[in-house]
Amino acid sequence: MLAWEGARRARVELTMLDGAAMRRLNARAFGRRRLTDVIAFALPQPDGSLLGDVYICPAVARRLVTNGGRVREELIRLTVHGTLHVLGYDHPDGPGRTRSVMWRRQERYVRRLLGGKR
C-alpha cells in the first residue's frame, strides 16, 4: 500500500493491542478514556523519510463486523485506515466520513488487498 501511495521512503509498524492497552494509549495520547479501534502516529524524520505507528484493537474490530463481514477484512480496513492517517490523510467526523476522499481511497485499497473481492 505504501508503494501504491508513492511513499517509498515510509515505514509503518503495526501493533495489535488488547482493550485495556488501547484504552491506556488513547488516554495517554489524546486524553480520551475510551476504547477505540485504531490509533496512528506519524513521525517525519529529518532525512525526509516517514516512520509511522499504527495500533489496532482486534476486540473492537470483531465488534465492528456487520452484514456478514469477516474480522480479517475489518483488520485490513483498520490497517489501511491507520496507514492513510500516517500518510497525512484525514476525514471528517460524523456521517460525512464515509464520503470523504480518505474513506473512498481506504475502501479501494481494502478491495485491492482482498483480491478484488468485497
C-alpha atoms as a PDB file:
ATOM      1  CA  MET A   1       0.000   0.000   0.000  1.00  0.00           C
ATOM      2  CA  LEU A   2       2.853   2.397   0.728  1.00  0.00           C
ATOM      3  CA  ALA A   3       4.178   1.771  -2.788  1.00  0.00           C
ATOM      4  CA  TRP A   4       0.711   2.399  -4.266  1.00  0.00           C
ATOM      5  CA  GLU A   5       0.748   5.756  -2.481  1.00  0.00           C
ATOM      6  CA  GLY A   6       4.239   6.544  -3.778  1.00  0.00           C
ATOM      7  CA  ALA A   7       5.535   6.575  -0.198  1.00  0.00           C
ATOM      8  CA  ARG A   8       8.726   4.666  -0.889  1.00  0.00           C
ATOM      9  CA  ARG A   9      10.552   6.326   1.997  1.00  0.00           C
ATOM     10  CA  ALA A  10       7.905   5.469   4.555  1.00  0.00           C
ATOM     11  CA  ARG A  11       7.804   2.631   7.038  1.00  0.00           C
ATOM     12  CA  VAL A  12       4.786   1.751   9.159  1.00  0.00           C
ATOM     13  CA  GLU A  13       4.826  -0.552  12.155  1.00  0.00           C
ATOM     14  CA  LEU A  14       1.601  -2.296  13.137  1.00  0.00           C
ATOM     15  CA  THR A  15       0.849  -3.288  16.732  1.00  0.00           C
ATOM     16  CA  MET A  16      -2.208  -5.169  17.964  1.00  0.00           C
ATOM     17  CA  LEU A  17      -3.377  -4.200  21.456  1.00  0.00           C
ATOM     18  CA  ASP A  18      -5.934  -5.672  23.817  1.00  0.00           C
ATOM     19  CA  GLY A  19      -8.757  -3.449  25.050  1.00  0.00           C
ATOM     20  CA  ALA A  20      -7.054  -2.315  28.260  1.00  0.00           C
ATOM     21  CA  ALA A  21      -3.835  -1.339  26.478  1.00  0.00           C
ATOM     22  CA  MET A  22      -5.762   0.532  23.759  1.00  0.00           C
ATOM     23  CA  ARG A  23      -7.712   2.469  26.405  1.00  0.00           C
ATOM     24  CA  ARG A  24      -4.450   3.440  28.136  1.00  0.00           C
ATOM     25  CA  LEU A  25      -2.866   4.548  24.853  1.00  0.00           C
ATOM     26  CA  ASN A  26      -5.936   6.585  23.907  1.00  0.00           C
ATOM     27  CA  ALA A  27      -5.932   8.256  27.346  1.00  0.00           C
ATOM     28  CA  ARG A  28      -2.199   8.966  27.273  1.00  0.00           C
ATOM     29  CA  ALA A  29      -2.118  10.245  23.677  1.00  0.00           C
ATOM     30  CA  PHE A  30      -5.434  12.075  23.401  1.00  0.00           C
ATOM     31  CA  GLY A  31      -6.876  12.348  26.916  1.00  0.00           C
ATOM     32  CA  ARG A  32      -9.813  10.126  25.942  1.00  0.00           C
ATOM     33  CA  ARG A  33     -10.524   7.340  28.409  1.00  0.00           C
ATOM     34  CA  ARG A  34     -12.407   5.144  25.978  1.00  0.00           C
ATOM     35  CA  LEU A  35     -11.771   2.178  23.766  1.00  0.00           C
ATOM     36  CA  THR A  36     -11.129   2.850  20.094  1.00  0.00           C
ATOM     37  CA  ASP A  37     -10.427   0.742  17.024  1.00  0.00           C
ATOM     38  CA  VAL A  38      -7.271   2.340  15.587  1.00  0.00           C
ATOM     39  CA  ILE A  39      -4.720   4.969  16.598  1.00  0.00           C
ATOM     40  CA  ALA A  40      -1.981   6.207  14.270  1.00  0.00           C
ATOM     41  CA  PHE A  41       1.086   8.365  14.777  1.00  0.00           C
ATOM     42  CA  ALA A  42       3.274   9.850  12.044  1.00  0.00           C
ATOM     43  CA  LEU A  43       6.904  10.610  12.824  1.00  0.00           C
ATOM     44  CA  PRO A  44       8.510  12.586   9.974  1.00  0.00           C
ATOM     45  CA  GLN A  45      12.285  12.134  10.012  1.00  0.00           C
ATOM     46  CA  PRO A  46      14.967  14.789   9.407  1.00  0.00           C
ATOM     47  CA  ASP A  47      16.106  12.933   6.266  1.00  0.00           C
ATOM     48  CA  GLY A  48      12.627  13.284   4.717  1.00  0.00           C
ATOM     49  CA  SER A  49      11.548   9.720   5.363  1.00  0.00           C
ATOM     50  CA  LEU A  50       8.461   8.895   7.387  1.00  0.00           C
ATOM     51  CA  LEU A  51       8.003   6.473  10.240  1.00  0.00           C
ATOM     52  CA  GLY A  52       4.549   5.590  11.435  1.00  0.00           C
ATOM     53  CA  ASP A  53       2.984   3.551  14.193  1.00  0.00           C
ATOM     54  CA  VAL A  54      -0.495   2.078  13.802  1.00  0.00           C
ATOM     55  CA  TYR A  55      -2.193   0.468  16.800  1.00  0.00           C
ATOM     56  CA  ILE A  56      -5.264  -1.716  16.285  1.00  0.00           C
ATOM     57  CA  CYS A  57      -7.589  -3.347  18.798  1.00  0.00           C
ATOM     58  CA  PRO A  58      -8.828  -6.686  17.363  1.00  0.00           C
ATOM     59  CA  ALA A  59     -11.568  -6.859  20.024  1.00  0.00           C
ATOM     60  CA  VAL A  60     -13.089  -3.678  18.609  1.00  0.00           C
ATOM     61  CA  ALA A  61     -12.623  -4.977  15.055  1.00  0.00           C
ATOM     62  CA  ARG A  62     -14.704  -8.031  15.956  1.00  0.00           C
ATOM     63  CA  ARG A  63     -17.499  -5.751  17.182  1.00  0.00           C
ATOM     64  CA  LEU A  64     -17.371  -3.619  14.034  1.00  0.00           C
ATOM     65  CA  VAL A  65     -18.022  -6.555  11.709  1.00  0.00           C
ATOM     66  CA  THR A  66     -21.528  -6.262  10.260  1.00  0.00           C
ATOM     67  CA  ASN A  67     -23.637  -7.664   7.458  1.00  0.00           C
ATOM     68  CA  GLY A  68     -21.845 -10.991   7.253  1.00  0.00           C
ATOM     69  CA  GLY A  69     -18.408  -9.379   7.054  1.00  0.00           C
ATOM     70  CA  ARG A  70     -15.256 -11.019   8.308  1.00  0.00           C
ATOM     71  CA  VAL A  71     -12.859  -9.982  11.051  1.00  0.00           C
ATOM     72  CA  ARG A  72      -9.933 -10.347   8.627  1.00  0.00           C
ATOM     73  CA  GLU A  73     -11.482  -7.762   6.314  1.00  0.00           C
ATOM     74  CA  GLU A  74     -12.069  -5.373   9.211  1.00  0.00           C
ATOM     75  CA  LEU A  75      -8.472  -5.760  10.415  1.00  0.00           C
ATOM     76  CA  ILE A  76      -7.271  -4.971   6.887  1.00  0.00           C
ATOM     77  CA  ARG A  77      -9.595  -1.946   6.797  1.00  0.00           C
ATOM     78  CA  LEU A  78      -8.244  -0.640  10.106  1.00  0.00           C
ATOM     79  CA  THR A  79      -4.650  -1.190   8.973  1.00  0.00           C
ATOM     80  CA  VAL A  80      -5.309   0.744   5.759  1.00  0.00           C
ATOM     81  CA  HIS A  81      -7.168   3.440   7.702  1.00  0.00           C
ATOM     82  CA  GLY A  82      -4.316   3.941  10.157  1.00  0.00           C
ATOM     83  CA  THR A  83      -1.709   3.905   7.393  1.00  0.00           C
ATOM     84  CA  LEU A  84      -3.590   6.582   5.460  1.00  0.00           C
ATOM     85  CA  HIS A  85      -3.623   8.742   8.603  1.00  0.00           C
ATOM     86  CA  VAL A  86       0.154   8.242   8.913  1.00  0.00           C
ATOM     87  CA  LEU A  87       0.475   9.439   5.305  1.00  0.00           C
ATOM     88  CA  GLY A  88      -1.453  12.616   6.126  1.00  0.00           C
ATOM     89  CA  TYR A  89      -5.000  11.783   5.056  1.00  0.00           C
ATOM     90  CA  ASP A  90      -7.898  12.770   7.268  1.00  0.00           C
ATOM     91  CA  HIS A  91     -11.680  12.610   7.253  1.00  0.00           C
ATOM     92  CA  PRO A  92     -14.477  14.494   8.965  1.00  0.00           C
ATOM     93  CA  ASP A  93     -16.213  13.020  11.978  1.00  0.00           C
ATOM     94  CA  GLY A  94     -19.833  12.053  11.663  1.00  0.00           C
ATOM     95  CA  PRO A  95     -21.880  10.997   8.648  1.00  0.00           C
ATOM     96  CA  GLY A  96     -19.639  12.692   6.073  1.00  0.00           C
ATOM     97  CA  ARG A  97     -16.671  10.478   6.851  1.00  0.00           C
ATOM     98  CA  THR A  98     -17.778   7.676   4.510  1.00  0.00           C
ATOM     99  CA  ARG A  99     -17.997  10.155   1.613  1.00  0.00           C
ATOM    100  CA  SER A 100     -14.527  11.622   2.194  1.00  0.00           C
ATOM    101  CA  VAL A 101     -11.592  11.199  -0.178  1.00  0.00           C
ATOM    102  CA  MET A 102      -9.768   9.241   2.515  1.00  0.00           C
ATOM    103  CA  TRP A 103     -12.648   6.817   3.027  1.00  0.00           C
ATOM    104  CA  ARG A 104     -13.071   6.147  -0.689  1.00  0.00           C
ATOM    105  CA  ARG A 105      -9.335   5.550  -1.040  1.00  0.00           C
ATOM    106  CA  GLN A 106      -9.414   3.274   2.008  1.00  0.00           C
ATOM    107  CA  GLU A 107     -12.196   1.125   0.578  1.00  0.00           C
ATOM    108  CA  ARG A 108     -10.432   0.906  -2.793  1.00  0.00           C
ATOM    109  CA  TYR A 109      -7.283  -0.387  -1.064  1.00  0.00           C
ATOM    110  CA  VAL A 110      -9.283  -2.840   1.058  1.00  0.00           C
ATOM    111  CA  ARG A 111     -10.848  -4.294  -2.107  1.00  0.00           C
ATOM    112  CA  ARG A 112      -7.438  -4.482  -3.765  1.00  0.00           C
ATOM    113  CA  LEU A 113      -5.829  -6.201  -0.761  1.00  0.00           C
ATOM    114  CA  LEU A 114      -8.686  -8.699  -0.647  1.00  0.00           C
ATOM    115  CA  GLY A 115      -8.079  -9.596  -4.284  1.00  0.00           C
ATOM    116  CA  GLY A 116     -10.889  -7.516  -5.711  1.00  0.00           C
ATOM    117  CA  LYS A 117     -13.483  -9.203  -3.512  1.00  0.00           C
ATOM    118  CA  ARG A 118     -15.803  -7.278  -1.281  1.00  0.00           C
END
